[in-house]
Amino acid sequence: MSREPLSYNATITERVDLAEGLALFRVRHDDEELFTRFIPGQYAILGLNHPEKGPVQRAYSIASAPSMLPEFEFYVRYVKQPASDNPLTHLLFAAHTGDRIAMGPKILGKFTLEHELPQGDTRWRVCVAAGTGLAPFTSMIFEEYHQTGAANGFLVLHGASYPWDLGYRERMEELLNTPFAQKRYYPTISRPKAEGVTWPADRMTGRVEELLSPEGLSRWEPTSPLGPGGLNPANAVIFICGLTGTIRQTLLNAFARGFVPGDRRLRRELEIPESLAPSVFFEPYDTEPILDLTNDDFRLGIRRQLGLQ
């Protein structure tokens, strides 16, 4: 049965192509009074109609700060091998400035500082992002800068395949690697030897989740405000956004430092008591299970790392 086409209620006010298959889409809803606020880290639903395959919708984290309203900015990667035969990115990347689009009536999501952390928490916010997983963190950082004139308290690890895929890199370096602070933005690329790549020898290489391995930590932790051994739940909380593999390995590395997951399902399966406060949070791109805890040895190993055995 064919579905009713979506009614377009918003406009793409600007499209900015950052690299092949990577772009910013700025969108304004027709009813500017409908969205007067949102919390950085939340997402919106965008949709388009395929002329033959019908309507398609997808959730995208908002990359802009609430102070940018009534305009929203979305940081989008073209999906070359989609799971669906009607992927939204194929339609979105055929769109141009001025084109119409559908936008859901609500801003959603709980991957926010306000929801995940107790009020007054002053620990470092260590943000681990793969590709466009940076979007919720740019929203948080841009809003912090708008409110206070600085972006204190954030430390960002951002990974991509190539330098040109590190969207927002110049802005992150401007806000986080200031002359008055130790480094707080660490970009890394996983294909430094690819044709056409120029990447300084002192820059990070490898996948972003590797930066939380013991060897990876030794490469950036000493130059950061955390200092050697400083990435621990007493000093920091970790927020992760990206594909399942990135989240999985980052979690496993974080567990080795004593970080406790906030995800309800993981807490239940690991039998984590309510009294043990969470300190690592994640926002997945897909529905694949993050960790398979059916293996007792694997599950008990994590419990031992968390001091529960």
C-alpha atoms as a PDB file:
ATOM      1  CA  MET A   1       0.000   0.000   0.000  1.00  0.00           C
ATOM      2  CA  SER A   2       1.415   3.380  -0.983  1.00  0.00           C
ATOM      3  CA  ARG A   3       1.774   5.986   1.729  1.00  0.00           C
ATOM      4  CA  GLU A   4       0.475   9.517   1.539  1.00  0.00           C
ATOM      5  CA  PRO A   5       3.148  11.967   0.401  1.00  0.00           C
ATOM      6  CA  LEU A   6       4.611  14.286   2.999  1.00  0.00           C
ATOM      7  CA  SER A   7       3.400  17.869   3.102  1.00  0.00           C
ATOM      8  CA  TYR A   8       6.342  20.218   2.792  1.00  0.00           C
ATOM      9  CA  ASN A   9       6.401  22.795   5.560  1.00  0.00           C
ATOM     10  CA  ALA A  10       9.991  24.057   5.561  1.00  0.00           C
ATOM     11  CA  THR A  11      12.610  25.490   3.211  1.00  0.00           C
ATOM     12  CA  ILE A  12      16.279  24.694   2.679  1.00  0.00           C
ATOM     13  CA  THR A  13      17.590  28.224   3.120  1.00  0.00           C
ATOM     14  CA  GLU A  14      21.191  27.303   2.344  1.00  0.00           C
ATOM     15  CA  ARG A  15      23.233  24.305   1.297  1.00  0.00           C
ATOM     16  CA  VAL A  16      26.981  24.355   1.959  1.00  0.00           C
ATOM     17  CA  ASP A  17      29.027  21.556   0.378  1.00  0.00           C
ATOM     18  CA  LEU A  18      32.068  20.799   2.543  1.00  0.00           C
ATOM     19  CA  ALA A  19      33.430  17.902   0.482  1.00  0.00           C
ATOM     20  CA  GLU A  20      32.105  15.306  -1.912  1.00  0.00           C
ATOM     21  CA  GLY A  21      29.115  13.729  -0.196  1.00  0.00           C
ATOM     22  CA  LEU A  22      29.333  15.959   2.876  1.00  0.00           C
ATOM     23  CA  ALA A  23      27.219  19.066   3.346  1.00  0.00           C
ATOM     24  CA  LEU A  24      25.466  21.420   5.720  1.00  0.00           C
ATOM     25  CA  PHE A  25      21.762  21.986   5.161  1.00  0.00           C
ATOM     26  CA  ARG A  26      20.166  25.007   6.808  1.00  0.00           C
ATOM     27  CA  VAL A  27      16.420  24.668   7.186  1.00  0.00           C
ATOM     28  CA  ARG A  28      13.704  27.091   8.281  1.00  0.00           C
ATOM     29  CA  HIS A  29      10.192  25.928   9.217  1.00  0.00           C
ATOM     30  CA  ASP A  30       7.263  27.893   7.784  1.00  0.00           C
ATOM     31  CA  ASP A  31       5.866  28.437  11.293  1.00  0.00           C
ATOM     32  CA  GLU A  32       8.745  30.183  13.013  1.00  0.00           C
ATOM     33  CA  GLU A  33       6.806  30.325  16.274  1.00  0.00           C
ATOM     34  CA  LEU A  34       6.544  26.529  16.450  1.00  0.00           C
ATOM     35  CA  PHE A  35      10.144  26.134  17.604  1.00  0.00           C
ATOM     36  CA  THR A  36      11.210  28.777  20.078  1.00  0.00           C
ATOM     37  CA  ARG A  37      13.740  26.594  21.858  1.00  0.00           C
ATOM     38  CA  PHE A  38      15.392  23.179  21.917  1.00  0.00           C
ATOM     39  CA  ILE A  39      18.138  21.577  23.996  1.00  0.00           C
ATOM     40  CA  PRO A  40      21.547  21.069  22.364  1.00  0.00           C
ATOM     41  CA  GLY A  41      21.982  17.392  21.573  1.00  0.00           C
ATOM     42  CA  GLN A  42      18.411  16.896  20.358  1.00  0.00           C
ATOM     43  CA  TYR A  43      17.300  15.930  16.852  1.00  0.00           C
ATOM     44  CA  ALA A  44      14.614  16.729  14.287  1.00  0.00           C
ATOM     45  CA  ILE A  45      12.841  14.604  11.680  1.00  0.00           C
ATOM     46  CA  LEU A  46      13.356  15.605   8.042  1.00  0.00           C
ATOM     47  CA  GLY A  47      11.546  14.096   5.078  1.00  0.00           C
ATOM     48  CA  LEU A  48      11.203  14.188   1.294  1.00  0.00           C
ATOM     49  CA  ASN A  49       9.003  12.512  -1.295  1.00  0.00           C
ATOM     50  CA  HIS A  50      10.483  10.226  -3.914  1.00  0.00           C
ATOM     51  CA  PRO A  51       8.427  10.530  -7.108  1.00  0.00           C
ATOM     52  CA  GLU A  52       8.194   6.740  -7.487  1.00  0.00           C
ATOM     53  CA  LYS A  53       9.154   5.157  -4.161  1.00  0.00           C
ATOM     54  CA  GLY A  54       7.116   7.426  -1.924  1.00  0.00           C
ATOM     55  CA  PRO A  55       7.946   9.424   1.203  1.00  0.00           C
ATOM     56  CA  VAL A  56      10.969   8.855   3.422  1.00  0.00           C
ATOM     57  CA  GLN A  57      11.888  10.410   6.777  1.00  0.00           C
ATOM     58  CA  ARG A  58      14.950  10.291   8.981  1.00  0.00           C
ATOM     59  CA  ALA A  59      16.152  11.735  12.270  1.00  0.00           C
ATOM     60  CA  TYR A  60      19.107  14.124  12.159  1.00  0.00           C
ATOM     61  CA  SER A  61      20.896  15.651  15.119  1.00  0.00           C
ATOM     62  CA  ILE A  62      20.742  19.425  15.082  1.00  0.00           C
ATOM     63  CA  ALA A  63      24.249  20.817  14.605  1.00  0.00           C
ATOM     64  CA  SER A  64      23.384  24.455  15.277  1.00  0.00           C
ATOM     65  CA  ALA A  65      22.792  26.163  18.607  1.00  0.00           C
ATOM     66  CA  PRO A  66      19.336  27.251  19.788  1.00  0.00           C
ATOM     67  CA  SER A  67      20.574  30.827  19.426  1.00  0.00           C
ATOM     68  CA  MET A  68      20.477  30.287  15.633  1.00  0.00           C
ATOM     69  CA  LEU A  69      16.684  29.817  15.636  1.00  0.00           C
ATOM     70  CA  PRO A  70      14.458  30.036  13.637  1.00  0.00           C
ATOM     71  CA  GLU A  71      17.062  28.380  11.382  1.00  0.00           C
ATOM     72  CA  PHE A  72      18.345  24.856  11.968  1.00  0.00           C
ATOM     73  CA  GLU A  73      21.620  23.460  10.644  1.00  0.00           C
ATOM     74  CA  PHE A  74      22.123  19.773   9.826  1.00  0.00           C
ATOM     75  CA  TYR A  75      25.480  18.106   9.123  1.00  0.00           C
ATOM     76  CA  VAL A  76      24.845  15.279   6.637  1.00  0.00           C
ATOM     77  CA  ARG A  77      26.899  12.567   4.959  1.00  0.00           C
ATOM     78  CA  TYR A  78      25.662  11.021   1.695  1.00  0.00           C
ATOM     79  CA  VAL A  79      25.129   7.292   2.285  1.00  0.00           C
ATOM     80  CA  LYS A  80      26.775   5.357  -0.550  1.00  0.00           C
ATOM     81  CA  GLN A  81      25.558   1.942   0.578  1.00  0.00           C
ATOM     82  CA  PRO A  82      22.151   2.553   2.163  1.00  0.00           C
ATOM     83  CA  ALA A  83      20.208  -0.077   4.048  1.00  0.00           C
ATOM     84  CA  SER A  84      17.016   1.124   2.363  1.00  0.00           C
ATOM     85  CA  ASP A  85      16.036   1.277  -1.321  1.00  0.00           C
ATOM     86  CA  ASN A  86      14.720   4.801  -0.690  1.00  0.00           C
ATOM     87  CA  PRO A  87      17.401   6.571   1.376  1.00  0.00           C
ATOM     88  CA  LEU A  88      16.742  10.151   2.380  1.00  0.00           C
ATOM     89  CA  THR A  89      20.303  11.291   1.705  1.00  0.00           C
ATOM     90  CA  HIS A  90      19.941  10.469  -2.022  1.00  0.00           C
ATOM     91  CA  LEU A  91      16.993  12.845  -2.214  1.00  0.00           C
ATOM     92  CA  LEU A  92      18.551  15.412   0.088  1.00  0.00           C
ATOM     93  CA  PHE A  93      21.767  15.666  -1.911  1.00  0.00           C
ATOM     94  CA  ALA A  94      19.706  16.285  -5.049  1.00  0.00           C
ATOM     95  CA  ALA A  95      18.112  19.299  -3.328  1.00  0.00           C
ATOM     96  CA  HIS A  96      19.287  22.886  -3.560  1.00  0.00           C
ATOM     97  CA  THR A  97      18.967  26.162  -1.711  1.00  0.00           C
ATOM     98  CA  GLY A  98      15.363  27.267  -1.863  1.00  0.00           C
ATOM     99  CA  ASP A  99      13.899  23.766  -2.204  1.00  0.00           C
ATOM    100  CA  ARG A 100      11.082  22.632   0.042  1.00  0.00           C
ATOM    101  CA  ILE A 101      11.290  19.862   2.646  1.00  0.00           C
ATOM    102  CA  ALA A 102       9.179  18.304   5.402  1.00  0.00           C
ATOM    103  CA  MET A 103      10.128  18.801   9.043  1.00  0.00           C
ATOM    104  CA  GLY A 104       8.510  17.040  11.991  1.00  0.00           C
ATOM    105  CA  PRO A 105       6.418  19.029  14.477  1.00  0.00           C
ATOM    106  CA  LYS A 106       8.635  18.262  17.482  1.00  0.00           C
ATOM    107  CA  ILE A 107      12.283  18.403  18.500  1.00  0.00           C
ATOM    108  CA  LEU A 108      13.174  15.154  20.232  1.00  0.00           C
ATOM    109  CA  GLY A 109      15.901  13.336  22.139  1.00  0.00           C
ATOM    110  CA  LYS A 110      17.516  12.994  25.550  1.00  0.00           C
ATOM    111  CA  PHE A 111      21.182  12.945  24.519  1.00  0.00           C
ATOM    112  CA  THR A 112      21.687  16.268  26.275  1.00  0.00           C
ATOM    113  CA  LEU A 113      23.748  17.575  29.152  1.00  0.00           C
ATOM    114  CA  GLU A 114      20.576  18.556  30.976  1.00  0.00           C
ATOM    115  CA  HIS A 115      19.110  15.055  30.806  1.00  0.00           C
ATOM    116  CA  GLU A 116      22.222  12.970  31.366  1.00  0.00           C
ATOM    117  CA  LEU A 117      24.063  14.949  34.046  1.00  0.00           C
ATOM    118  CA  PRO A 118      23.050  16.253  37.479  1.00  0.00           C
ATOM    119  CA  GLN A 119      22.652  19.986  37.753  1.00  0.00           C
ATOM    120  CA  GLY A 120      25.907  21.708  38.621  1.00  0.00           C
ATOM    121  CA  ASP A 121      28.143  18.889  37.338  1.00  0.00           C
ATOM    122  CA  THR A 122      31.485  20.543  36.530  1.00  0.00           C
ATOM    123  CA  ARG A 123      33.414  17.585  35.139  1.00  0.00           C
ATOM    124  CA  TRP A 124      34.968  17.773  31.683  1.00  0.00           C
ATOM    125  CA  ARG A 125      32.649  16.834  28.823  1.00  0.00           C
ATOM    126  CA  VAL A 126      34.739  14.563  26.602  1.00  0.00           C
ATOM    127  CA  CYS A 127      32.947  14.236  23.260  1.00  0.00           C
ATOM    128  CA  VAL A 128      33.900  11.312  21.003  1.00  0.00           C
ATOM    129  CA  ALA A 129      32.520  11.711  17.477  1.00  0.00           C
ATOM    130  CA  ALA A 130      32.870   9.747  14.259  1.00  0.00           C
ATOM    131  CA  GLY A 131      32.083  11.729  11.115  1.00  0.00           C
ATOM    132  CA  THR A 132      28.758  13.553  11.295  1.00  0.00           C
ATOM    133  CA  GLY A 133      28.383  12.242  14.854  1.00  0.00           C
ATOM    134  CA  LEU A 134      29.946  15.580  15.747  1.00  0.00           C
ATOM    135  CA  ALA A 135      26.596  17.335  15.187  1.00  0.00           C
ATOM    136  CA  PRO A 136      25.114  17.137  18.713  1.00  0.00           C
ATOM    137  CA  PHE A 137      28.410  18.346  20.149  1.00  0.00           C
ATOM    138  CA  THR A 138      28.697  21.378  17.887  1.00  0.00           C
ATOM    139  CA  SER A 139      25.220  22.363  19.071  1.00  0.00           C
ATOM    140  CA  MET A 140      26.332  22.094  22.708  1.00  0.00           C
ATOM    141  CA  ILE A 141      29.599  23.958  22.133  1.00  0.00           C
ATOM    142  CA  PHE A 142      28.115  26.727  19.990  1.00  0.00           C
ATOM    143  CA  GLU A 143      25.413  27.366  22.577  1.00  0.00           C
ATOM    144  CA  GLU A 144      27.928  27.430  25.428  1.00  0.00           C
ATOM    145  CA  TYR A 145      29.964  29.965  23.471  1.00  0.00           C
ATOM    146  CA  HIS A 146      26.862  32.051  22.752  1.00  0.00           C
ATOM    147  CA  GLN A 147      25.865  32.077  26.412  1.00  0.00           C
ATOM    148  CA  THR A 148      29.269  32.675  28.019  1.00  0.00           C
ATOM    149  CA  GLY A 149      31.665  33.885  25.333  1.00  0.00           C
ATOM    150  CA  ALA A 150      33.770  30.745  25.776  1.00  0.00           C
ATOM    151  CA  ALA A 151      33.436  27.004  25.312  1.00  0.00           C
ATOM    152  CA  ASN A 152      35.030  25.887  28.549  1.00  0.00           C
ATOM    153  CA  GLY A 153      34.540  22.378  29.820  1.00  0.00           C
ATOM    154  CA  PHE A 154      34.476  20.597  26.434  1.00  0.00           C
ATOM    155  CA  LEU A 155      37.143  18.327  24.986  1.00  0.00           C
ATOM    156  CA  VAL A 156      36.457  16.878  21.519  1.00  0.00           C
ATOM    157  CA  LEU A 157      37.913  13.805  19.790  1.00  0.00           C
ATOM    158  CA  HIS A 158      36.707  13.764  16.168  1.00  0.00           C
ATOM    159  CA  GLY A 159      37.515  11.112  13.600  1.00  0.00           C
ATOM    160  CA  ALA A 160      36.997  10.788   9.849  1.00  0.00           C
ATOM    161  CA  SER A 161      38.579   9.011   6.904  1.00  0.00           C
ATOM    162  CA  TYR A 162      40.187  12.087   5.332  1.00  0.00           C
ATOM    163  CA  PRO A 163      41.008  15.656   6.429  1.00  0.00           C
ATOM    164  CA  TRP A 164      38.302  17.117   4.197  1.00  0.00           C
ATOM    165  CA  ASP A 165      35.707  14.986   5.996  1.00  0.00           C
ATOM    166  CA  LEU A 166      36.392  16.732   9.313  1.00  0.00           C
ATOM    167  CA  GLY A 167      33.530  19.201   9.116  1.00  0.00           C
ATOM    168  CA  TYR A 168      33.687  22.175  11.507  1.00  0.00           C
ATOM    169  CA  ARG A 169      37.422  21.564  12.063  1.00  0.00           C
ATOM    170  CA  GLU A 170      38.436  25.213  11.715  1.00  0.00           C
ATOM    171  CA  ARG A 171      35.648  26.368  14.021  1.00  0.00           C
ATOM    172  CA  MET A 172      36.471  23.728  16.635  1.00  0.00           C
ATOM    173  CA  GLU A 173      40.138  24.693  16.599  1.00  0.00           C
ATOM    174  CA  GLU A 174      39.182  28.356  16.936  1.00  0.00           C
ATOM    175  CA  LEU A 175      36.936  27.732  19.947  1.00  0.00           C
ATOM    176  CA  LEU A 176      38.776  24.925  21.737  1.00  0.00           C
ATOM    177  CA  ASN A 177      42.470  25.303  20.926  1.00  0.00           C
ATOM    178  CA  THR A 178      42.803  28.890  22.088  1.00  0.00           C
ATOM    179  CA  PRO A 179      46.121  30.486  23.118  1.00  0.00           C
ATOM    180  CA  PHE A 180      44.848  30.616  26.696  1.00  0.00           C
ATOM    181  CA  ALA A 181      44.039  26.921  27.099  1.00  0.00           C
ATOM    182  CA  GLN A 182      45.617  23.557  26.562  1.00  0.00           C
ATOM    183  CA  LYS A 183      44.450  21.664  23.501  1.00  0.00           C
ATOM    184  CA  ARG A 184      40.850  20.521  23.685  1.00  0.00           C
ATOM    185  CA  TYR A 185      40.143  19.545  20.074  1.00  0.00           C
ATOM    186  CA  TYR A 186      41.860  16.469  18.634  1.00  0.00           C
ATOM    187  CA  PRO A 187      41.024  15.519  15.030  1.00  0.00           C
ATOM    188  CA  THR A 188      42.188  12.188  13.676  1.00  0.00           C
ATOM    189  CA  ILE A 189      42.036  10.576  10.227  1.00  0.00           C
ATOM    190  CA  SER A 190      42.067   6.869   9.470  1.00  0.00           C
ATOM    191  CA  ARG A 191      43.517   7.056   5.928  1.00  0.00           C
ATOM    192  CA  PRO A 192      46.558   9.343   6.152  1.00  0.00           C
ATOM    193  CA  LYS A 193      48.394   7.596   3.288  1.00  0.00           C
ATOM    194  CA  ALA A 194      45.582   7.874   0.759  1.00  0.00           C
ATOM    195  CA  GLU A 195      46.216   9.733  -2.487  1.00  0.00           C
ATOM    196  CA  GLY A 196      45.918  13.483  -2.146  1.00  0.00           C
ATOM    197  CA  VAL A 197      46.039  13.520   1.657  1.00  0.00           C
ATOM    198  CA  THR A 198      48.264  16.086   3.362  1.00  0.00           C
ATOM    199  CA  TRP A 199      48.255  15.671   7.124  1.00  0.00           C
ATOM    200  CA  PRO A 200      50.875  17.119   9.524  1.00  0.00           C
ATOM    201  CA  ALA A 201      53.096  14.506  11.148  1.00  0.00           C
ATOM    202  CA  ASP A 202      52.189  15.734  14.631  1.00  0.00           C
ATOM    203  CA  ARG A 203      48.458  15.184  14.058  1.00  0.00           C
ATOM    204  CA  MET A 204      46.531  12.122  15.207  1.00  0.00           C
ATOM    205  CA  THR A 205      45.908   9.174  12.884  1.00  0.00           C
ATOM    206  CA  GLY A 206      43.697   6.143  13.298  1.00  0.00           C
ATOM    207  CA  ARG A 207      40.044   5.689  14.124  1.00  0.00           C
ATOM    208  CA  VAL A 208      38.670   7.947  16.815  1.00  0.00           C
ATOM    209  CA  GLU A 209      37.789   5.080  19.177  1.00  0.00           C
ATOM    210  CA  GLU A 210      41.486   4.142  19.219  1.00  0.00           C
ATOM    211  CA  LEU A 211      42.244   7.419  20.986  1.00  0.00           C
ATOM    212  CA  LEU A 212      40.798   5.915  24.171  1.00  0.00           C
ATOM    213  CA  SER A 213      43.003   2.838  24.086  1.00  0.00           C
ATOM    214  CA  PRO A 214      46.024   2.942  26.441  1.00  0.00           C
ATOM    215  CA  GLU A 215      48.344   3.793  23.540  1.00  0.00           C
ATOM    216  CA  GLY A 216      45.914   6.324  22.126  1.00  0.00           C
ATOM    217  CA  LEU A 217      45.444   8.072  25.449  1.00  0.00           C
ATOM    218  CA  SER A 218      49.198   8.489  25.794  1.00  0.00           C
ATOM    219  CA  ARG A 219      49.199  10.497  22.540  1.00  0.00           C
ATOM    220  CA  TRP A 220      46.809  13.254  23.609  1.00  0.00           C
ATOM    221  CA  GLU A 221      46.010  13.056  27.321  1.00  0.00           C
ATOM    222  CA  PRO A 222      49.294  14.712  28.481  1.00  0.00           C
ATOM    223  CA  THR A 223      48.729  17.766  26.252  1.00  0.00           C
ATOM    224  CA  SER A 224      45.121  18.209  27.370  1.00  0.00           C
ATOM    225  CA  PRO A 225      43.777  19.876  30.521  1.00  0.00           C
ATOM    226  CA  LEU A 226      43.118  16.391  31.917  1.00  0.00           C
ATOM    227  CA  GLY A 227      46.802  15.487  32.124  1.00  0.00           C
ATOM    228  CA  PRO A 228      48.217  11.937  32.251  1.00  0.00           C
ATOM    229  CA  GLY A 229      45.656   9.549  33.745  1.00  0.00           C
ATOM    230  CA  GLY A 230      43.114  12.342  34.015  1.00  0.00           C
ATOM    231  CA  LEU A 231      40.426  10.687  31.916  1.00  0.00           C
ATOM    232  CA  ASN A 232      38.493   9.103  34.754  1.00  0.00           C
ATOM    233  CA  PRO A 233      34.958   9.446  36.145  1.00  0.00           C
ATOM    234  CA  ALA A 234      36.093  11.819  38.879  1.00  0.00           C
ATOM    235  CA  ASN A 235      37.268  14.378  36.321  1.00  0.00           C
ATOM    236  CA  ALA A 236      35.204  13.700  33.211  1.00  0.00           C
ATOM    237  CA  VAL A 237      32.109  12.293  31.569  1.00  0.00           C
ATOM    238  CA  ILE A 238      32.178  10.818  28.048  1.00  0.00           C
ATOM    239  CA  PHE A 239      29.586  11.396  25.330  1.00  0.00           C
ATOM    240  CA  ILE A 240      29.818   9.255  22.163  1.00  0.00           C
ATOM    241  CA  CYS A 241      28.011   9.659  18.846  1.00  0.00           C
ATOM    242  CA  GLY A 242      28.558   7.629  15.705  1.00  0.00           C
ATOM    243  CA  LEU A 243      28.271   4.199  14.176  1.00  0.00           C
ATOM    244  CA  THR A 244      27.919   1.101  16.313  1.00  0.00           C
ATOM    245  CA  GLY A 245      31.576   0.078  15.945  1.00  0.00           C
ATOM    246  CA  THR A 246      32.786   3.436  17.206  1.00  0.00           C
ATOM    247  CA  ILE A 247      30.450   3.361  20.181  1.00  0.00           C
ATOM    248  CA  ARG A 248      31.253  -0.252  21.039  1.00  0.00           C
ATOM    249  CA  GLN A 249      35.021   0.131  21.121  1.00  0.00           C
ATOM    250  CA  THR A 250      34.888   3.507  22.854  1.00  0.00           C
ATOM    251  CA  LEU A 251      32.708   1.995  25.574  1.00  0.00           C
ATOM    252  CA  LEU A 252      35.086  -0.934  26.075  1.00  0.00           C
ATOM    253  CA  ASN A 253      38.033   1.440  26.364  1.00  0.00           C
ATOM    254  CA  ALA A 254      36.059   3.668  28.729  1.00  0.00           C
ATOM    255  CA  PHE A 255      35.131   0.723  30.962  1.00  0.00           C
ATOM    256  CA  ALA A 256      38.851   0.070  31.446  1.00  0.00           C
ATOM    257  CA  ARG A 257      39.077   3.549  33.018  1.00  0.00           C
ATOM    258  CA  GLY A 258      36.080   2.882  35.277  1.00  0.00           C
ATOM    259  CA  PHE A 259      33.414   4.748  33.314  1.00  0.00           C
ATOM    260  CA  VAL A 260      29.885   3.471  33.940  1.00  0.00           C
ATOM    261  CA  PRO A 261      27.264   3.360  31.153  1.00  0.00           C
ATOM    262  CA  GLY A 262      24.075   5.373  31.428  1.00  0.00           C
ATOM    263  CA  ASP A 263      22.137   3.216  28.952  1.00  0.00           C
ATOM    264  CA  ARG A 264      19.313   1.436  30.778  1.00  0.00           C
ATOM    265  CA  ARG A 265      19.601  -1.794  28.823  1.00  0.00           C
ATOM    266  CA  LEU A 266      23.349  -2.116  29.461  1.00  0.00           C
ATOM    267  CA  ARG A 267      22.912  -1.276  33.116  1.00  0.00           C
ATOM    268  CA  ARG A 268      20.262  -3.950  33.468  1.00  0.00           C
ATOM    269  CA  GLU A 269      22.280  -6.620  31.658  1.00  0.00           C
ATOM    270  CA  LEU A 270      25.430  -5.754  33.602  1.00  0.00           C
ATOM    271  CA  GLU A 271      23.448  -5.600  36.863  1.00  0.00           C
ATOM    272  CA  ILE A 272      24.758  -2.160  37.720  1.00  0.00           C
ATOM    273  CA  PRO A 273      23.187  -0.854  40.949  1.00  0.00           C
ATOM    274  CA  GLU A 274      21.310   2.443  40.874  1.00  0.00           C
ATOM    275  CA  SER A 275      23.772   3.824  43.395  1.00  0.00           C
ATOM    276  CA  LEU A 276      26.572   3.679  40.792  1.00  0.00           C
ATOM    277  CA  ALA A 277      26.217   6.911  38.854  1.00  0.00           C
ATOM    278  CA  PRO A 278      26.588   6.840  35.057  1.00  0.00           C
ATOM    279  CA  SER A 279      29.530   8.587  33.413  1.00  0.00           C
ATOM    280  CA  VAL A 280      29.515   7.490  29.745  1.00  0.00           C
ATOM    281  CA  PHE A 281      26.602   8.113  27.368  1.00  0.00           C
ATOM    282  CA  PHE A 282      26.016   7.423  23.687  1.00  0.00           C
ATOM    283  CA  GLU A 283      23.766   8.245  20.719  1.00  0.00           C
ATOM    284  CA  PRO A 284      23.750   5.487  18.046  1.00  0.00           C
ATOM    285  CA  TYR A 285      23.157   5.930  14.309  1.00  0.00           C
ATOM    286  CA  ASP A 286      21.500   2.519  13.899  1.00  0.00           C
ATOM    287  CA  THR A 287      19.615  -0.146  15.827  1.00  0.00           C
ATOM    288  CA  GLU A 288      22.340  -2.807  15.955  1.00  0.00           C
ATOM    289  CA  PRO A 289      22.998  -3.877  19.569  1.00  0.00           C
ATOM    290  CA  ILE A 290      26.008  -2.036  20.957  1.00  0.00           C
ATOM    291  CA  LEU A 291      27.353  -4.913  23.058  1.00  0.00           C
ATOM    292  CA  ASP A 292      26.509  -8.609  23.004  1.00  0.00           C
ATOM    293  CA  LEU A 293      26.448  -9.512  26.674  1.00  0.00           C
ATOM    294  CA  THR A 294      25.194 -13.072  26.216  1.00  0.00           C
ATOM    295  CA  ASN A 295      28.773 -14.320  26.665  1.00  0.00           C
ATOM    296  CA  ASP A 296      29.187 -14.720  30.424  1.00  0.00           C
ATOM    297  CA  ASP A 297      32.974 -14.328  30.393  1.00  0.00           C
ATOM    298  CA  PHE A 298      32.718 -11.086  28.427  1.00  0.00           C
ATOM    299  CA  ARG A 299      29.975  -9.736  30.687  1.00  0.00           C
ATOM    300  CA  LEU A 300      31.812 -10.679  33.874  1.00  0.00           C
ATOM    301  CA  GLY A 301      35.006  -9.086  32.539  1.00  0.00           C
ATOM    302  CA  ILE A 302      33.203  -5.770  32.160  1.00  0.00           C
ATOM    303  CA  ARG A 303      31.732  -6.093  35.636  1.00  0.00           C
ATOM    304  CA  ARG A 304      35.222  -6.612  37.035  1.00  0.00           C
ATOM    305  CA  GLN A 305      36.437  -3.467  35.275  1.00  0.00           C
ATOM    306  CA  LEU A 306      33.594  -1.556  36.900  1.00  0.00           C
ATOM    307  CA  GLY A 307      34.461  -2.950  40.328  1.00  0.00           C
ATOM    308  CA  LEU A 308      31.318  -5.077  40.541  1.00  0.00           C
ATOM    309  CA  GLN A 309      32.982  -8.503  40.979  1.00  0.00           C
END
